[in-house]
Every structure is written in C-alpha cells, then in structure tokens.
N, C-alpha and C. Protein backbone atom coordinates (compact mmCIF):
# COMPACT_ATOMS: atom_id res chain seq x y z
N UNK A 1 11.94 -18.10 44.21
CA UNK A 1 12.30 -17.21 43.17
C UNK A 1 12.00 -15.85 43.60
N UNK A 2 12.78 -14.64 43.14
CA UNK A 2 12.14 -13.50 43.01
C UNK A 2 11.38 -13.28 41.95
N UNK A 3 10.51 -12.26 42.02
CA UNK A 3 9.39 -11.89 41.18
C UNK A 3 10.05 -10.70 40.20
N UNK A 4 9.32 -10.47 39.14
CA UNK A 4 9.93 -9.66 38.03
C UNK A 4 10.55 -8.54 38.42
N UNK A 5 9.86 -7.22 39.26
CA UNK A 5 10.04 -6.15 39.77
C UNK A 5 11.52 -6.28 40.62
N UNK A 6 11.73 -7.14 41.17
CA UNK A 6 13.12 -7.37 41.70
C UNK A 6 14.22 -7.41 40.78
N UNK A 7 13.92 -8.55 39.73
CA UNK A 7 14.62 -8.89 38.81
C UNK A 7 14.77 -7.52 37.89
N UNK A 8 13.96 -6.52 37.68
CA UNK A 8 14.26 -5.28 37.10
C UNK A 8 15.07 -4.50 37.66
N UNK A 9 14.94 -4.55 38.91
CA UNK A 9 15.64 -3.64 40.30
C UNK A 9 17.30 -3.94 39.92
N UNK A 10 17.59 -5.06 40.12
CA UNK A 10 18.58 -5.57 39.77
C UNK A 10 19.74 -5.18 38.95
N UNK A 11 18.60 -5.37 37.27
CA UNK A 11 19.27 -4.85 36.08
C UNK A 11 19.44 -3.47 36.23
N UNK A 12 18.57 -2.95 36.83
CA UNK A 12 18.78 -1.28 36.89
C UNK A 12 20.36 -0.92 37.57
N UNK A 13 20.38 -1.65 38.64
CA UNK A 13 21.51 -1.31 39.71
C UNK A 13 22.77 -1.98 39.09
N UNK A 14 22.67 -2.93 38.19
CA UNK A 14 24.19 -2.81 37.36
C UNK A 14 23.92 -1.99 36.35
N UNK A 15 23.28 -1.49 35.54
CA UNK A 15 23.26 -0.77 34.91
C UNK A 15 23.83 0.96 35.24
N UNK A 16 23.53 1.19 36.40
CA UNK A 16 24.05 2.05 36.74
C UNK A 16 25.26 2.12 37.88
N UNK A 17 25.89 0.94 38.07
CA UNK A 17 27.17 0.71 39.16
C UNK A 17 27.77 -0.20 38.15
N UNK A 18 27.42 -1.02 37.38
CA UNK A 18 28.45 -2.11 36.38
C UNK A 18 28.93 -3.14 37.77
N UNK A 19 28.23 -3.05 38.54
CA UNK A 19 28.44 -4.18 39.66
C UNK A 19 28.31 -5.54 38.84
N UNK A 20 29.08 -6.55 39.34
CA UNK A 20 29.03 -7.97 39.05
C UNK A 20 28.27 -8.79 39.95
N UNK A 21 27.48 -9.44 39.20
CA UNK A 21 26.49 -10.25 39.94
C UNK A 21 26.90 -12.03 40.06
N UNK A 22 26.83 -12.60 41.00
CA UNK A 22 27.19 -14.09 41.23
C UNK A 22 25.65 -14.37 41.91
N UNK A 23 25.24 -15.37 40.58
CA UNK A 23 23.45 -15.77 40.98
C UNK A 23 23.88 -17.30 41.35
N UNK A 24 22.92 -17.89 42.34
CA UNK A 24 22.95 -19.33 42.70
C UNK A 24 21.46 -19.65 42.76
N UNK A 25 21.40 -20.75 42.30
CA UNK A 25 19.81 -21.24 42.20
C UNK A 25 19.78 -22.86 41.68
N UNK A 26 18.63 -23.46 42.24
CA UNK A 26 18.31 -24.79 41.70
C UNK A 26 17.48 -24.64 40.88
N UNK A 27 17.78 -24.89 39.29
CA UNK A 27 16.85 -25.00 38.27
C UNK A 27 15.63 -25.86 38.52
N UNK A 28 15.63 -26.69 39.56
CA UNK A 28 14.76 -27.77 39.51
C UNK A 28 13.83 -27.31 40.87
N UNK A 29 14.01 -26.43 41.83
CA UNK A 29 13.46 -26.09 42.71
C UNK A 29 12.40 -25.66 42.70
N UNK A 30 12.29 -24.46 42.18
CA UNK A 30 10.76 -23.68 41.53
C UNK A 30 10.71 -23.26 40.18
N UNK A 31 9.72 -23.42 39.91
CA UNK A 31 9.56 -22.67 38.39
C UNK A 31 9.71 -21.69 38.12
N UNK A 32 10.50 -20.72 37.55
CA UNK A 32 10.52 -19.13 37.36
C UNK A 32 9.25 -18.56 37.45
N UNK A 33 9.20 -17.55 38.05
CA UNK A 33 7.81 -16.84 37.86
C UNK A 33 7.68 -16.59 36.30
N UNK A 34 8.34 -16.10 35.89
CA UNK A 34 7.91 -15.68 34.10
C UNK A 34 8.08 -16.84 33.00
N UNK A 35 8.39 -17.99 33.92
CA UNK A 35 8.32 -19.55 33.06
C UNK A 35 9.89 -19.42 32.78
N UNK A 36 9.89 -20.44 31.60
CA UNK A 36 11.19 -20.74 31.05
C UNK A 36 12.38 -21.23 31.98
N UNK A 37 13.31 -21.54 31.14
CA UNK A 37 14.37 -21.74 31.74
C UNK A 37 15.10 -20.69 32.42
N UNK A 38 15.60 -20.84 34.05
CA UNK A 38 16.07 -19.94 34.45
C UNK A 38 17.50 -19.53 34.18
N UNK A 39 18.17 -20.29 33.72
CA UNK A 39 19.89 -20.12 33.28
C UNK A 39 19.81 -18.94 32.07
N UNK A 40 18.52 -19.12 31.24
CA UNK A 40 18.41 -18.62 29.93
C UNK A 40 17.67 -17.19 29.66
N UNK A 41 17.08 -16.86 31.06
CA UNK A 41 16.47 -15.69 31.34
C UNK A 41 17.28 -14.50 30.88
N UNK A 42 16.76 -13.67 30.18
CA UNK A 42 17.35 -12.26 29.56
C UNK A 42 17.98 -11.68 30.99
N UNK A 43 17.20 -11.76 31.95
CA UNK A 43 17.78 -10.93 33.03
C UNK A 43 18.96 -11.55 33.67
N UNK A 44 18.47 -12.83 33.75
CA UNK A 44 19.69 -13.75 34.28
C UNK A 44 21.08 -13.67 33.27
N UNK A 45 20.93 -13.71 32.06
CA UNK A 45 21.94 -13.79 31.24
C UNK A 45 22.89 -12.11 31.46
N UNK A 46 22.11 -11.17 31.64
CA UNK A 46 22.36 -9.93 31.59
C UNK A 46 23.29 -9.33 33.05
N UNK A 47 22.53 -10.09 34.23
CA UNK A 47 23.27 -10.04 35.53
C UNK A 47 24.51 -10.45 35.64
N UNK A 48 24.58 -11.81 34.81
CA UNK A 48 25.83 -12.91 35.34
C UNK A 48 26.58 -12.80 34.14
N UNK A 49 26.50 -11.70 33.36
CA UNK A 49 27.30 -11.61 31.89
C UNK A 49 27.07 -12.92 31.28
N UNK A 50 26.05 -13.67 30.99
CA UNK A 50 25.72 -14.94 30.37
C UNK A 50 26.78 -16.23 30.75
N UNK A 51 27.25 -16.21 32.40
CA UNK A 51 28.59 -17.23 32.47
C UNK A 51 27.33 -17.71 33.81
N UNK A 52 27.37 -19.22 33.78
CA UNK A 52 26.92 -19.80 34.56
C UNK A 52 27.91 -21.29 34.87
N UNK A 53 27.49 -21.73 36.34
CA UNK A 53 28.13 -23.17 36.48
C UNK A 53 27.04 -23.80 37.16
N UNK A 54 26.92 -25.09 36.53
CA UNK A 54 25.62 -25.86 36.83
C UNK A 54 26.44 -27.00 37.67
N UNK A 55 26.09 -27.25 38.96
CA UNK A 55 26.34 -28.23 39.64
C UNK A 55 25.95 -29.52 39.57
N UNK A 56 26.77 -30.53 39.39
CA UNK A 56 26.46 -31.69 38.82
C UNK A 56 26.37 -33.10 40.27
N UNK A 57 27.38 -32.96 41.16
CA UNK A 57 27.36 -33.54 42.05
C UNK A 57 26.27 -33.25 43.17
N UNK A 58 25.75 -34.02 43.57
CA UNK A 58 24.23 -33.64 44.44
C UNK A 58 25.00 -33.82 46.29
N UNK A 59 24.61 -32.89 46.81
CA UNK A 59 25.16 -32.63 48.09
C UNK A 59 23.94 -32.96 48.95
N UNK A 60 22.54 -32.35 48.56
CA UNK A 60 21.38 -32.37 49.58
C UNK A 60 20.66 -33.47 49.58
N UNK A 61 20.63 -34.46 48.65
CA UNK A 61 19.88 -35.56 48.98
C UNK A 61 20.45 -36.46 48.32
N UNK A 62 19.93 -37.84 48.44
CA UNK A 62 20.48 -39.09 47.89
C UNK A 62 19.63 -39.28 46.25
N UNK A 63 20.54 -40.31 45.78
CA UNK A 63 19.73 -40.67 44.36
C UNK A 63 18.26 -41.20 44.36
N UNK A 64 17.80 -41.63 45.29
CA UNK A 64 16.39 -42.19 44.77
C UNK A 64 15.80 -40.99 45.19
N UNK A 65 16.09 -39.75 45.92
CA UNK A 65 15.18 -38.45 45.98
C UNK A 65 15.17 -38.09 44.65
N UNK A 66 16.71 -38.12 44.26
CA UNK A 66 16.44 -37.45 42.72
C UNK A 66 15.78 -38.12 41.76
N UNK A 67 15.77 -39.31 41.62
CA UNK A 67 14.81 -40.01 40.80
C UNK A 67 13.68 -39.53 40.95
N UNK A 68 12.95 -39.60 42.13
CA UNK A 68 11.46 -38.79 42.31
C UNK A 68 11.31 -37.56 41.64
N UNK A 69 12.24 -36.74 42.38
CA UNK A 69 12.20 -35.50 41.84
C UNK A 69 12.11 -35.45 40.21
N UNK A 70 13.17 -36.12 39.71
CA UNK A 70 13.21 -36.09 38.02
C UNK A 70 11.75 -36.29 37.29
N UNK A 71 11.40 -37.65 38.22
CA UNK A 71 10.02 -37.96 37.87
C UNK A 71 8.81 -37.20 37.97
N UNK A 72 8.98 -36.18 38.89
CA UNK A 72 7.46 -35.42 39.44
C UNK A 72 8.10 -33.97 38.12
N UNK A 73 9.30 -33.96 38.03
CA UNK A 73 9.66 -32.83 37.03
C UNK A 73 8.91 -33.35 35.74
N UNK A 74 9.28 -34.39 35.02
CA UNK A 74 9.11 -34.53 33.67
C UNK A 74 7.50 -35.28 33.61
N UNK A 75 6.98 -35.82 34.68
CA UNK A 75 5.64 -36.25 34.10
C UNK A 75 4.57 -35.33 35.32
N UNK A 76 5.09 -35.07 35.99
CA UNK A 76 3.84 -34.22 37.13
C UNK A 76 3.09 -34.83 38.05
N UNK A 77 3.48 -36.18 38.35
CA UNK A 77 3.12 -36.68 39.42
C UNK A 77 4.11 -37.87 40.08
N UNK A 78 3.87 -38.03 41.40
CA UNK A 78 4.57 -38.93 42.05
C UNK A 78 4.84 -40.37 41.25
N UNK A 79 5.83 -40.88 41.44
CA UNK A 79 5.68 -42.49 40.75
C UNK A 79 5.35 -43.46 41.66
N UNK A 80 5.25 -44.59 41.37
CA UNK A 80 4.24 -45.51 42.35
C UNK A 80 4.63 -46.21 43.46
N UNK A 81 6.27 -46.14 43.25
CA UNK A 81 7.33 -46.76 44.13
C UNK A 81 7.85 -45.72 44.60
N UNK A 82 7.37 -44.36 45.32
CA UNK A 82 8.39 -43.16 46.06
C UNK A 82 8.05 -43.28 47.51
N UNK A 83 7.93 -44.39 48.02
CA UNK A 83 7.37 -44.37 49.33
C UNK A 83 9.16 -44.56 49.98
N UNK A 84 9.53 -43.84 51.01
CA UNK A 84 10.81 -43.96 51.49
C UNK A 84 10.34 -44.17 52.90
N UNK A 85 9.36 -44.81 53.28
CA UNK A 85 9.29 -45.08 54.89
C UNK A 85 9.25 -44.19 55.97
N UNK A 86 9.06 -44.21 56.97
CA UNK A 86 8.89 -43.28 58.11
C UNK A 86 10.54 -42.85 58.30
N UNK A 87 11.06 -41.71 58.03
CA UNK A 87 12.39 -41.36 58.18
C UNK A 87 12.35 -40.43 59.53
N UNK A 88 12.98 -40.58 60.24
CA UNK A 88 13.37 -39.16 61.60
C UNK A 88 14.11 -38.55 61.65
N UNK A 89 14.34 -37.29 61.15
CA UNK A 89 15.27 -36.41 61.38
C UNK A 89 15.47 -35.65 62.51
N UNK A 90 16.28 -35.30 63.24
CA UNK A 90 16.32 -34.23 63.97
C UNK A 90 15.70 -32.44 63.60
N UNK A 91 16.20 -32.30 62.48
CA UNK A 91 16.03 -31.10 61.76
C UNK A 91 14.95 -31.70 60.57
N UNK A 92 13.94 -31.23 60.58
CA UNK A 92 12.91 -31.27 59.65
C UNK A 92 12.29 -30.37 59.17
N UNK A 93 11.52 -30.13 57.87
CA UNK A 93 10.69 -29.08 57.43
C UNK A 93 9.44 -29.85 57.25
N UNK A 94 8.60 -28.69 57.75
CA UNK A 94 7.16 -29.17 57.77
C UNK A 94 6.27 -28.02 57.27
N UNK A 95 5.46 -28.38 56.23
CA UNK A 95 4.75 -27.37 55.40
C UNK A 95 3.43 -27.03 56.55
N UNK A 96 2.82 -27.73 57.35
CA UNK A 96 1.73 -27.62 58.34
C UNK A 96 2.42 -27.26 59.63
N UNK A 97 1.55 -26.35 60.27
CA UNK A 97 2.01 -26.09 62.01
C UNK A 97 1.63 -27.24 62.63
N UNK A 98 0.50 -27.83 62.47
CA UNK A 98 0.31 -29.17 63.21
C UNK A 98 1.44 -30.23 63.25
N UNK A 99 2.16 -30.30 61.94
CA UNK A 99 3.04 -31.33 61.73
C UNK A 99 4.67 -30.68 62.32
N UNK A 100 4.32 -29.57 62.63
CA UNK A 100 5.79 -28.82 63.06
C UNK A 100 5.60 -29.25 64.24
N UNK A 101 4.67 -28.82 65.15
CA UNK A 101 4.57 -28.80 66.82
C UNK A 101 4.67 -30.30 67.10
N UNK A 102 4.24 -31.36 66.35
CA UNK A 102 4.12 -32.81 66.56
C UNK A 102 5.61 -33.42 66.50
N UNK A 103 6.31 -32.93 65.49
CA UNK A 103 7.51 -33.30 65.14
C UNK A 103 8.57 -32.81 66.39
N UNK A 104 8.51 -31.27 67.00
CA UNK A 104 9.22 -30.64 68.09
C UNK A 104 8.98 -31.53 69.10
N UNK A 105 7.59 -31.70 69.45
CA UNK A 105 7.20 -32.29 70.38
C UNK A 105 7.78 -33.41 71.08
N UNK A 106 7.88 -34.43 69.57
CA UNK A 106 8.31 -35.89 69.74
C UNK A 106 9.90 -35.49 70.32
N UNK A 107 10.54 -34.92 69.69
CA UNK A 107 11.96 -34.57 69.85
C UNK A 107 12.55 -33.81 71.07
N UNK A 108 11.69 -33.12 71.59
CA UNK A 108 11.84 -32.61 72.87
C UNK A 108 11.49 -33.28 73.97
N UNK A 109 10.66 -34.18 73.97
CA UNK A 109 10.47 -35.32 74.95
C UNK A 109 11.41 -36.44 74.82
N UNK A 110 11.91 -36.87 73.50
CA UNK A 110 12.76 -37.91 73.53
C UNK A 110 14.28 -37.46 73.89
N UNK A 111 15.03 -36.27 73.67
CA UNK A 111 15.76 -35.95 74.24
C UNK A 111 16.06 -34.83 75.51
N UNK A 112 14.92 -35.04 75.97
CA UNK A 112 14.83 -34.12 77.60
C UNK A 112 15.45 -35.19 78.57
N UNK A 113 17.00 -34.40 79.19
CA UNK A 113 17.39 -35.45 80.41
C UNK A 113 16.77 -35.26 81.52
N UNK A 114 17.02 -35.41 82.63
CA UNK A 114 16.46 -35.69 83.96
C UNK A 114 16.47 -34.29 84.88
N UNK A 115 17.43 -33.03 84.27
CA UNK A 115 17.54 -32.00 84.87
C UNK A 115 16.85 -30.79 83.91
N UNK A 116 15.79 -30.55 83.75
CA UNK A 116 15.18 -29.41 83.01
C UNK A 116 14.04 -28.77 83.73
N UNK A 117 13.45 -27.75 83.16
CA UNK A 117 12.43 -26.86 83.62
C UNK A 117 11.36 -26.95 82.55
N UNK A 118 10.27 -26.89 82.91
CA UNK A 118 9.27 -27.04 81.99
C UNK A 118 8.08 -25.59 81.85
N UNK A 119 8.69 -25.19 80.60
CA UNK A 119 7.71 -23.77 80.67
C UNK A 119 6.66 -23.91 79.21
N UNK A 120 5.36 -23.70 79.91
CA UNK A 120 4.03 -24.47 79.03
C UNK A 120 4.33 -25.86 78.64
N UNK A 121 4.60 -26.16 77.33
CA UNK A 121 4.41 -27.42 76.60
C UNK A 121 5.77 -28.05 76.56
N UNK A 122 7.11 -27.27 76.99
CA UNK A 122 8.17 -27.28 76.58
C UNK A 122 9.35 -27.29 77.53
N UNK A 123 9.89 -28.84 77.11
CA UNK A 123 11.32 -29.06 78.02
C UNK A 123 12.39 -27.94 77.89
N UNK A 124 12.60 -27.34 78.99
CA UNK A 124 13.83 -26.52 78.73
C UNK A 124 15.11 -27.24 79.35
N UNK A 125 16.34 -27.57 78.89
CA UNK A 125 17.53 -28.18 79.45
C UNK A 125 18.64 -27.65 78.37
N UNK A 126 19.55 -28.02 79.32
CA UNK A 126 21.14 -27.67 78.76
C UNK A 126 21.13 -28.34 77.21
N UNK A 127 21.78 -27.73 75.93
CA UNK A 127 21.92 -28.67 75.01
C UNK A 127 20.59 -28.42 74.18
N UNK A 128 19.56 -28.17 74.52
CA UNK A 128 17.95 -27.75 73.73
C UNK A 128 18.49 -27.02 72.35
N UNK A 129 18.27 -27.72 71.43
CA UNK A 129 18.63 -26.90 70.14
C UNK A 129 17.25 -26.08 69.71
N UNK A 130 17.55 -24.81 69.37
CA UNK A 130 16.44 -23.98 69.14
C UNK A 130 16.59 -23.01 68.06
N UNK A 131 15.83 -22.69 66.92
CA UNK A 131 15.72 -21.77 66.05
C UNK A 131 15.03 -20.53 66.30
N UNK A 132 15.56 -19.42 66.35
CA UNK A 132 15.19 -18.25 66.52
C UNK A 132 13.80 -17.89 65.72
N UNK A 133 12.81 -17.13 66.24
CA UNK A 133 11.45 -17.00 65.45
C UNK A 133 11.61 -15.71 65.17
N UNK A 134 12.39 -14.68 65.86
CA UNK A 134 12.35 -13.17 65.47
C UNK A 134 13.58 -12.59 66.03
N UNK A 135 14.26 -11.79 65.24
CA UNK A 135 15.46 -10.94 65.61
C UNK A 135 15.14 -9.90 66.39
N UNK A 136 16.14 -10.12 67.62
CA UNK A 136 16.14 -8.82 68.44
C UNK A 136 17.37 -8.01 68.53
N UNK A 137 17.13 -7.01 68.88
CA UNK A 137 18.21 -5.88 69.10
C UNK A 137 18.67 -5.48 70.53
N UNK A 138 19.76 -5.22 70.94
CA UNK A 138 20.30 -4.72 72.31
C UNK A 138 20.47 -3.34 71.91
N UNK A 139 20.49 -2.44 72.51
CA UNK A 139 21.30 -1.03 72.47
C UNK A 139 22.68 -0.98 72.43
N UNK A 140 23.13 -1.82 73.44
CA UNK A 140 24.67 -1.82 73.68
C UNK A 140 25.40 -2.64 72.75
N UNK A 141 24.53 -3.70 72.42
CA UNK A 141 25.42 -4.79 71.84
C UNK A 141 24.82 -5.13 70.12
N UNK A 142 23.77 -4.25 69.59
CA UNK A 142 23.21 -4.51 68.45
C UNK A 142 22.56 -5.36 68.14
N UNK A 143 22.58 -6.22 67.14
CA UNK A 143 21.53 -7.58 67.08
C UNK A 143 22.06 -8.54 67.79
N UNK A 144 21.29 -9.08 68.58
CA UNK A 144 21.89 -10.51 69.76
C UNK A 144 21.32 -11.52 68.87
N UNK A 145 20.07 -11.65 68.56
CA UNK A 145 19.92 -13.19 68.11
C UNK A 145 18.89 -12.71 66.46
N UNK A 146 19.28 -13.61 65.62
CA UNK A 146 18.73 -13.20 64.09
C UNK A 146 17.74 -14.75 64.10
N UNK A 147 16.44 -13.83 63.21
CA UNK A 147 15.21 -15.13 62.54
C UNK A 147 16.09 -15.84 61.98
N UNK A 148 15.61 -17.04 62.29
CA UNK A 148 15.96 -18.22 61.59
C UNK A 148 17.20 -19.05 61.62
N UNK A 149 17.96 -18.50 62.81
CA UNK A 149 19.51 -19.24 63.12
C UNK A 149 19.31 -19.75 64.09
N UNK A 150 19.64 -20.98 64.27
CA UNK A 150 20.07 -22.06 65.13
C UNK A 150 21.09 -21.86 66.39
N UNK A 151 20.45 -21.75 67.77
CA UNK A 151 21.07 -21.48 68.50
C UNK A 151 20.94 -22.98 69.45
N UNK A 152 21.80 -23.10 70.88
CA UNK A 152 21.31 -24.06 71.51
C UNK A 152 21.56 -23.34 73.25
N UNK A 153 20.77 -23.92 74.07
CA UNK A 153 20.54 -23.43 75.28
C UNK A 153 21.70 -24.19 76.03
N UNK A 154 22.59 -23.21 76.86
CA UNK A 154 23.76 -23.42 77.35
C UNK A 154 23.83 -23.38 78.80
N UNK A 155 22.55 -22.59 79.11
CA UNK A 155 22.43 -22.34 80.64
C UNK A 155 21.17 -22.20 80.80
N UNK A 156 20.75 -22.21 82.14
CA UNK A 156 19.21 -21.80 82.56
C UNK A 156 19.41 -21.77 84.02
N UNK A 157 18.76 -21.06 84.44
CA UNK A 157 18.25 -20.92 85.93
C UNK A 157 16.79 -21.68 86.53
N UNK A 158 17.02 -22.58 87.40
CA UNK A 158 16.40 -23.32 87.80
C UNK A 158 15.93 -23.04 89.49
N UNK A 159 15.28 -21.83 89.89
CA UNK A 159 15.15 -21.43 90.92
C UNK A 159 13.33 -21.30 91.12
N UNK A 160 12.94 -20.43 92.25
CA UNK A 160 11.81 -20.41 92.63
C UNK A 160 10.95 -19.30 91.75
N UNK A 161 11.67 -18.41 90.97
CA UNK A 161 10.96 -17.72 90.52
C UNK A 161 11.18 -17.49 88.69
N UNK A 162 10.34 -17.46 88.17
CA UNK A 162 10.51 -17.66 86.70
C UNK A 162 10.99 -16.47 86.21
N UNK A 163 10.87 -15.21 87.14
CA UNK A 163 11.42 -13.75 86.64
C UNK A 163 12.63 -13.77 86.64
N UNK A 164 13.47 -15.01 87.47
CA UNK A 164 15.06 -15.29 87.19
C UNK A 164 15.43 -16.11 85.87
N UNK A 165 14.79 -16.52 85.39
CA UNK A 165 15.09 -17.64 84.15
C UNK A 165 15.67 -16.61 83.09
C-alpha cells in the first residue's frame, strides 16, 4: 500500500492534468495505511472517478487458503485446522533470509544435472532459473537486466579460468 504523501501527489497530478487512473489492489492483502475500506477511501474515489471492479474469481490461491485468509481477516488468528502440510514449490516466498537460502539450496541441489560448474555454494548449469538482484545498465544497450526479473542460464563456459565465465 502506498503512503498518504503519495496519494496526495497522485491526486494533485490528476487535478493538474485531468489524467485517468485505473487502480488495482486486493482489499484483503494489506490494511490501508490510513485505515478504512480501500475502495471507499476519498482519494481512491477521486482518482478512479468512483469506479471500481472487484474480481470475484480467485486465480492466485485455492479455496482452502481463501477460507484461512477469511478467518484471519475476521477473527485475527489462524483457525485450528489450518495445516496445509509440507508443500514444495519451485518458486517460493520466504520472509527470512535463512529460509530463502535453505529453499534455494534444496532446489539447486535437486535440479543440478551432471554438467555444471560450482561458484561458491551454488551449482551453475544450463537451465538454472535465477532472479536478478540488481538492475544493470550497458552504455550501448541500455538496461540489460532488471531487478526482480526472472532469467534462465542458457550458456556458461566451463574452462580453466573463472575470468572466462
């Protein structure tokens, strides 16, 4: 959720330019910074021209997870029967660095083929999925890789010198 200052800037931008805003959000994802129901906030109403569409078909998670989410939203705690078991996903979100490292290591070891090189703790191989940590720019080509974008290793050099990698 964006903070109050950004909302004010967006409202001022609309006042000066008359531009149209299309806003997207999940009303249960995060509580709005200023409290209240997101879609009825005066700033949201002004920016969107008092128009909104609330999606009703869930695409991001299943009905069991929705039921747990509803329970937490309404009661402020997890229900007793919230156990989903151990679910392994190739793409995961981890809140703590230790868990992120553990999950990445598990998948890296599990999917490493016979032909790879090792750099530090990581096996680098053709087909390795990676997420960019930092955007980089090239003088000739502009932005080459972008932060948080998914990439796949499709070539690596397995020679005698790491300088050639």
